[in-house]
Amino acid sequence: MEIMIKSKQGNNPKLTFLNLHDPLNFYYNHMVKMIKAGKYTPTDQTKGDDAIGINVPQNTS
C-alpha cells in the first residue's frame, strides 16, 4: 500500500514521511511496528481528544 501511495502522492508534502531519507520515516516505521505488535492502539480522534490523549476543550458557542 505504501508503494501505491508513494507513486500516486509522491509530490504531496504531507506524505514525505514515507520516504526513506525523511527524518520522520524512523518514527513512522516505529509506530507501524508498535501497532502490528499490539503495543499501541490509536485513539479515536472524533471524541475531542488530541494526539497525546489530553482532553481538548470543545467550543460550546
PDB file of N, CA and C in Angstrom:
ATOM      1  N   MET A   1       0.830  -1.184   0.000  1.00  0.00           N
ATOM      2  CA  MET A   1       0.000   0.000   0.000  1.00  0.00           C
ATOM      3  C   MET A   1       0.875   1.248   0.000  1.00  0.00           C
ATOM      4  N   GLU A   2       1.972   1.215   0.751  1.00  0.00           N
ATOM      5  CA  GLU A   2       2.858   2.380   0.771  1.00  0.00           C
ATOM      6  C   GLU A   2       3.411   2.683  -0.613  1.00  0.00           C
ATOM      7  N   ILE A   3       3.728   1.636  -1.371  1.00  0.00           N
ATOM      8  CA  ILE A   3       4.265   1.834  -2.721  1.00  0.00           C
ATOM      9  C   ILE A   3       3.246   2.543  -3.592  1.00  0.00           C
ATOM     10  N   MET A   4       1.983   2.149  -3.486  1.00  0.00           N
ATOM     11  CA  MET A   4       0.930   2.782  -4.272  1.00  0.00           C
ATOM     12  C   MET A   4       0.756   4.249  -3.856  1.00  0.00           C
ATOM     13  N   ILE A   5       0.787   4.515  -2.563  1.00  0.00           N
ATOM     14  CA  ILE A   5       0.654   5.896  -2.085  1.00  0.00           C
ATOM     15  C   ILE A   5       1.830   6.735  -2.567  1.00  0.00           C
ATOM     16  N   LYS A   6       3.034   6.192  -2.473  1.00  0.00           N
ATOM     17  CA  LYS A   6       4.216   6.927  -2.928  1.00  0.00           C
ATOM     18  C   LYS A   6       4.132   7.257  -4.414  1.00  0.00           C
ATOM     19  N   SER A   7       3.637   6.310  -5.210  1.00  0.00           N
ATOM     20  CA  SER A   7       3.578   6.553  -6.657  1.00  0.00           C
ATOM     21  C   SER A   7       2.487   7.559  -7.018  1.00  0.00           C
ATOM     22  N   LYS A   8       1.360   7.514  -6.325  1.00  0.00           N
ATOM     23  CA  LYS A   8       0.255   8.424  -6.652  1.00  0.00           C
ATOM     24  C   LYS A   8       0.362   9.777  -5.961  1.00  0.00           C
ATOM     25  N   GLN A   9       0.992   9.802  -4.781  1.00  0.00           N
ATOM     26  CA  GLN A   9       1.063  11.027  -3.995  1.00  0.00           C
ATOM     27  C   GLN A   9       2.512  11.445  -3.739  1.00  0.00           C
ATOM     28  N   GLY A  10       3.407  11.105  -4.640  1.00  0.00           N
ATOM     29  CA  GLY A  10       4.829  11.372  -4.454  1.00  0.00           C
ATOM     30  C   GLY A  10       5.178  12.833  -4.235  1.00  0.00           C
ATOM     31  N   ASN A  11       4.376  13.731  -4.754  1.00  0.00           N
ATOM     32  CA  ASN A  11       4.661  15.161  -4.616  1.00  0.00           C
ATOM     33  C   ASN A  11       3.908  15.806  -3.466  1.00  0.00           C
ATOM     34  N   ASN A  12       3.167  15.029  -2.709  1.00  0.00           N
ATOM     35  CA  ASN A  12       2.382  15.569  -1.600  1.00  0.00           C
ATOM     36  C   ASN A  12       3.300  15.806  -0.397  1.00  0.00           C
ATOM     37  N   PRO A  13       3.487  17.066   0.016  1.00  0.00           N
ATOM     38  CA  PRO A  13       4.396  17.353   1.133  1.00  0.00           C
ATOM     39  C   PRO A  13       3.932  16.764   2.467  1.00  0.00           C
ATOM     40  N   LYS A  14       2.654  16.426   2.586  1.00  0.00           N
ATOM     41  CA  LYS A  14       2.150  15.840   3.828  1.00  0.00           C
ATOM     42  C   LYS A  14       2.548  14.376   3.970  1.00  0.00           C
ATOM     43  N   LEU A  15       3.022  13.762   2.910  1.00  0.00           N
ATOM     44  CA  LEU A  15       3.362  12.342   2.944  1.00  0.00           C
ATOM     45  C   LEU A  15       4.854  12.079   2.778  1.00  0.00           C
ATOM     46  N   THR A  16       5.683  13.080   2.988  1.00  0.00           N
ATOM     47  CA  THR A  16       7.125  12.884   2.826  1.00  0.00           C
ATOM     48  C   THR A  16       7.704  11.920   3.853  1.00  0.00           C
ATOM     49  N   PHE A  17       6.999  11.687   4.960  1.00  0.00           N
ATOM     50  CA  PHE A  17       7.488  10.754   5.977  1.00  0.00           C
ATOM     51  C   PHE A  17       7.601   9.326   5.434  1.00  0.00           C
ATOM     52  N   LEU A  18       6.977   9.041   4.302  1.00  0.00           N
ATOM     53  CA  LEU A  18       7.081   7.716   3.696  1.00  0.00           C
ATOM     54  C   LEU A  18       8.417   7.512   2.988  1.00  0.00           C
ATOM     55  N   ASN A  19       9.128   8.596   2.697  1.00  0.00           N
ATOM     56  CA  ASN A  19      10.422   8.499   2.025  1.00  0.00           C
ATOM     57  C   ASN A  19      11.491   8.073   3.022  1.00  0.00           C
ATOM     58  N   LEU A  20      12.349   7.163   2.597  1.00  0.00           N
ATOM     59  CA  LEU A  20      13.356   6.571   3.471  1.00  0.00           C
ATOM     60  C   LEU A  20      14.260   7.609   4.125  1.00  0.00           C
ATOM     61  N   HIS A  21      14.582   8.680   3.445  1.00  0.00           N
ATOM     62  CA  HIS A  21      15.526   9.670   3.972  1.00  0.00           C
ATOM     63  C   HIS A  21      14.863  10.815   4.723  1.00  0.00           C
ATOM     64  N   ASP A  22      13.560  10.772   4.876  1.00  0.00           N
ATOM     65  CA  ASP A  22      12.855  11.804   5.638  1.00  0.00           C
ATOM     66  C   ASP A  22      13.085  11.572   7.125  1.00  0.00           C
ATOM     67  N   PRO A  23      13.310  12.628   7.903  1.00  0.00           N
ATOM     68  CA  PRO A  23      13.550  12.464   9.341  1.00  0.00           C
ATOM     69  C   PRO A  23      12.406  11.785  10.092  1.00  0.00           C
ATOM     70  N   LEU A  24      11.170  11.904   9.617  1.00  0.00           N
ATOM     71  CA  LEU A  24      10.035  11.290  10.304  1.00  0.00           C
ATOM     72  C   LEU A  24       9.798   9.832   9.912  1.00  0.00           C
ATOM     73  N   ASN A  25      10.554   9.317   8.945  1.00  0.00           N
ATOM     74  CA  ASN A  25      10.361   7.944   8.496  1.00  0.00           C
ATOM     75  C   ASN A  25      10.658   6.939   9.605  1.00  0.00           C
ATOM     76  N   PHE A  26      11.679   7.190  10.413  1.00  0.00           N
ATOM     77  CA  PHE A  26      12.005   6.284  11.514  1.00  0.00           C
ATOM     78  C   PHE A  26      10.829   6.197  12.494  1.00  0.00           C
ATOM     79  N   TYR A  27      10.257   7.338  12.843  1.00  0.00           N
ATOM     80  CA  TYR A  27       9.113   7.362  13.759  1.00  0.00           C
ATOM     81  C   TYR A  27       7.918   6.639  13.152  1.00  0.00           C
ATOM     82  N   TYR A  28       7.653   6.874  11.875  1.00  0.00           N
ATOM     83  CA  TYR A  28       6.545   6.210  11.192  1.00  0.00           C
ATOM     84  C   TYR A  28       6.710   4.691  11.247  1.00  0.00           C
ATOM     85  N   ASN A  29       7.895   4.204  10.906  1.00  0.00           N
ATOM     86  CA  ASN A  29       8.133   2.763  10.924  1.00  0.00           C
ATOM     87  C   ASN A  29       8.043   2.190  12.337  1.00  0.00           C
ATOM     88  N   HIS A  30       8.497   2.946  13.313  1.00  0.00           N
ATOM     89  CA  HIS A  30       8.384   2.517  14.705  1.00  0.00           C
ATOM     90  C   HIS A  30       6.914   2.370  15.104  1.00  0.00           C
ATOM     91  N   MET A  31       6.090   3.342  14.754  1.00  0.00           N
ATOM     92  CA  MET A  31       4.671   3.281  15.095  1.00  0.00           C
ATOM     93  C   MET A  31       3.961   2.135  14.378  1.00  0.00           C
ATOM     94  N   VAL A  32       4.328   1.868  13.134  1.00  0.00           N
ATOM     95  CA  VAL A  32       3.745   0.737  12.409  1.00  0.00           C
ATOM     96  C   VAL A  32       4.062  -0.564  13.132  1.00  0.00           C
ATOM     97  N   LYS A  33       5.316  -0.718  13.567  1.00  0.00           N
ATOM     98  CA  LYS A  33       5.715  -1.929  14.293  1.00  0.00           C
ATOM     99  C   LYS A  33       4.968  -2.054  15.616  1.00  0.00           C
ATOM    100  N   MET A  34       4.797  -0.945  16.332  1.00  0.00           N
ATOM    101  CA  MET A  34       4.093  -0.970  17.613  1.00  0.00           C
ATOM    102  C   MET A  34       2.628  -1.362  17.420  1.00  0.00           C
ATOM    103  N   ILE A  35       1.986  -0.837  16.396  1.00  0.00           N
ATOM    104  CA  ILE A  35       0.582  -1.171  16.122  1.00  0.00           C
ATOM    105  C   ILE A  35       0.453  -2.641  15.741  1.00  0.00           C
ATOM    106  N   LYS A  36       1.354  -3.130  14.878  1.00  0.00           N
ATOM    107  CA  LYS A  36       1.305  -4.534  14.473  1.00  0.00           C
ATOM    108  C   LYS A  36       1.533  -5.475  15.648  1.00  0.00           C
ATOM    109  N   ALA A  37       2.373  -5.062  16.595  1.00  0.00           N
ATOM    110  CA  ALA A  37       2.676  -5.894  17.757  1.00  0.00           C
ATOM    111  C   ALA A  37       1.594  -5.803  18.829  1.00  0.00           C
ATOM    112  N   GLY A  38       0.629  -4.909  18.636  1.00  0.00           N
ATOM    113  CA  GLY A  38      -0.451  -4.746  19.607  1.00  0.00           C
ATOM    114  C   GLY A  38      -0.044  -3.961  20.839  1.00  0.00           C
ATOM    115  N   LYS A  39       1.077  -3.241  20.759  1.00  0.00           N
ATOM    116  CA  LYS A  39       1.563  -2.454  21.896  1.00  0.00           C
ATOM    117  C   LYS A  39       1.046  -1.022  21.889  1.00  0.00           C
ATOM    118  N   TYR A  40       0.391  -0.625  20.814  1.00  0.00           N
ATOM    119  CA  TYR A  40      -0.163   0.726  20.720  1.00  0.00           C
ATOM    120  C   TYR A  40      -1.487   0.650  19.988  1.00  0.00           C
ATOM    121  N   THR A  41      -2.488   1.289  20.533  1.00  0.00           N
ATOM    122  CA  THR A  41      -3.791   1.366  19.891  1.00  0.00           C
ATOM    123  C   THR A  41      -4.114   2.839  19.671  1.00  0.00           C
ATOM    124  N   PRO A  42      -4.258   3.257  18.423  1.00  0.00           N
ATOM    125  CA  PRO A  42      -4.585   4.665  18.162  1.00  0.00           C
ATOM    126  C   PRO A  42      -5.888   5.058  18.839  1.00  0.00           C
ATOM    127  N   THR A  43      -5.948   6.289  19.341  1.00  0.00           N
ATOM    128  CA  THR A  43      -7.165   6.774  19.989  1.00  0.00           C
ATOM    129  C   THR A  43      -8.139   7.283  18.943  1.00  0.00           C
ATOM    130  N   ASP A  44      -9.396   7.308  19.305  1.00  0.00           N
ATOM    131  CA  ASP A  44     -10.440   7.813  18.419  1.00  0.00           C
ATOM    132  C   ASP A  44     -10.403   9.334  18.456  1.00  0.00           C
ATOM    133  N   GLN A  45      -9.977   9.951  17.373  1.00  0.00           N
ATOM    134  CA  GLN A  45      -9.835  11.406  17.316  1.00  0.00           C
ATOM    135  C   GLN A  45     -11.162  12.130  17.208  1.00  0.00           C
ATOM    136  N   THR A  46     -12.256  11.417  17.018  1.00  0.00           N
ATOM    137  CA  THR A  46     -13.551  12.082  16.885  1.00  0.00           C
ATOM    138  C   THR A  46     -14.158  12.445  18.232  1.00  0.00           C
ATOM    139  N   LYS A  47     -13.534  12.026  19.336  1.00  0.00           N
ATOM    140  CA  LYS A  47     -14.070  12.298  20.663  1.00  0.00           C
ATOM    141  C   LYS A  47     -13.565  13.605  21.261  1.00  0.00           C
ATOM    142  N   GLY A  48     -12.755  14.361  20.530  1.00  0.00           N
ATOM    143  CA  GLY A  48     -12.279  15.642  21.028  1.00  0.00           C
ATOM    144  C   GLY A  48     -10.951  15.564  21.741  1.00  0.00           C
ATOM    145  N   ASP A  49     -10.314  14.406  21.758  1.00  0.00           N
ATOM    146  CA  ASP A  49      -9.001  14.286  22.378  1.00  0.00           C
ATOM    147  C   ASP A  49      -7.941  14.623  21.342  1.00  0.00           C
ATOM    148  N   ASP A  50      -6.806  15.146  21.818  1.00  0.00           N
ATOM    149  CA  ASP A  50      -5.728  15.408  20.883  1.00  0.00           C
ATOM    150  C   ASP A  50      -4.863  14.153  20.740  1.00  0.00           C
ATOM    151  N   ALA A  51      -3.782  14.257  19.990  1.00  0.00           N
ATOM    152  CA  ALA A  51      -2.981  13.084  19.642  1.00  0.00           C
ATOM    153  C   ALA A  51      -2.285  12.432  20.836  1.00  0.00           C
ATOM    154  N   ILE A  52      -2.109  13.136  21.945  1.00  0.00           N
ATOM    155  CA  ILE A  52      -1.422  12.531  23.082  1.00  0.00           C
ATOM    156  C   ILE A  52      -2.369  12.224  24.232  1.00  0.00           C
ATOM    157  N   GLY A  53      -3.636  12.266  23.982  1.00  0.00           N
ATOM    158  CA  GLY A  53      -4.611  11.830  24.972  1.00  0.00           C
ATOM    159  C   GLY A  53      -5.029  12.876  25.991  1.00  0.00           C
ATOM    160  N   ILE A  54      -4.700  14.125  25.730  1.00  0.00           N
ATOM    161  CA  ILE A  54      -5.110  15.190  26.646  1.00  0.00           C
ATOM    162  C   ILE A  54      -6.469  15.725  26.180  1.00  0.00           C
ATOM    163  N   ASN A  55      -7.387  15.884  27.116  1.00  0.00           N
ATOM    164  CA  ASN A  55      -8.719  16.362  26.764  1.00  0.00           C
ATOM    165  C   ASN A  55      -8.639  17.792  26.244  1.00  0.00           C
ATOM    166  N   VAL A  56      -9.159  17.995  25.065  1.00  0.00           N
ATOM    167  CA  VAL A  56      -9.170  19.313  24.449  1.00  0.00           C
ATOM    168  C   VAL A  56     -10.557  19.907  24.640  1.00  0.00           C
ATOM    169  N   PRO A  57     -10.646  21.113  25.235  1.00  0.00           N
ATOM    170  CA  PRO A  57     -11.950  21.726  25.439  1.00  0.00           C
ATOM    171  C   PRO A  57     -12.700  21.919  24.126  1.00  0.00           C
ATOM    172  N   GLN A  58     -13.975  21.608  24.141  1.00  0.00           N
ATOM    173  CA  GLN A  58     -14.805  21.764  22.955  1.00  0.00           C
ATOM    174  C   GLN A  58     -15.436  23.151  22.948  1.00  0.00           C
ATOM    175  N   ASN A  59     -15.571  23.730  21.785  1.00  0.00           N
ATOM    176  CA  ASN A  59     -16.194  25.022  21.626  1.00  0.00           C
ATOM    177  C   ASN A  59     -17.703  24.834  21.769  1.00  0.00           C
ATOM    178  N   THR A  60     -18.306  25.449  22.787  1.00  0.00           N
ATOM    179  CA  THR A  60     -19.731  25.274  23.043  1.00  0.00           C
ATOM    180  C   THR A  60     -20.569  26.438  22.526  1.00  0.00           C
ATOM    181  N   SER A  61     -19.939  27.436  21.900  1.00  0.00           N
ATOM    182  CA  SER A  61     -20.725  28.574  21.422  1.00  0.00           C
ATOM    183  C   SER A  61     -21.200  28.400  20.022  1.00  0.00           C
TER     184      SER A  61
END
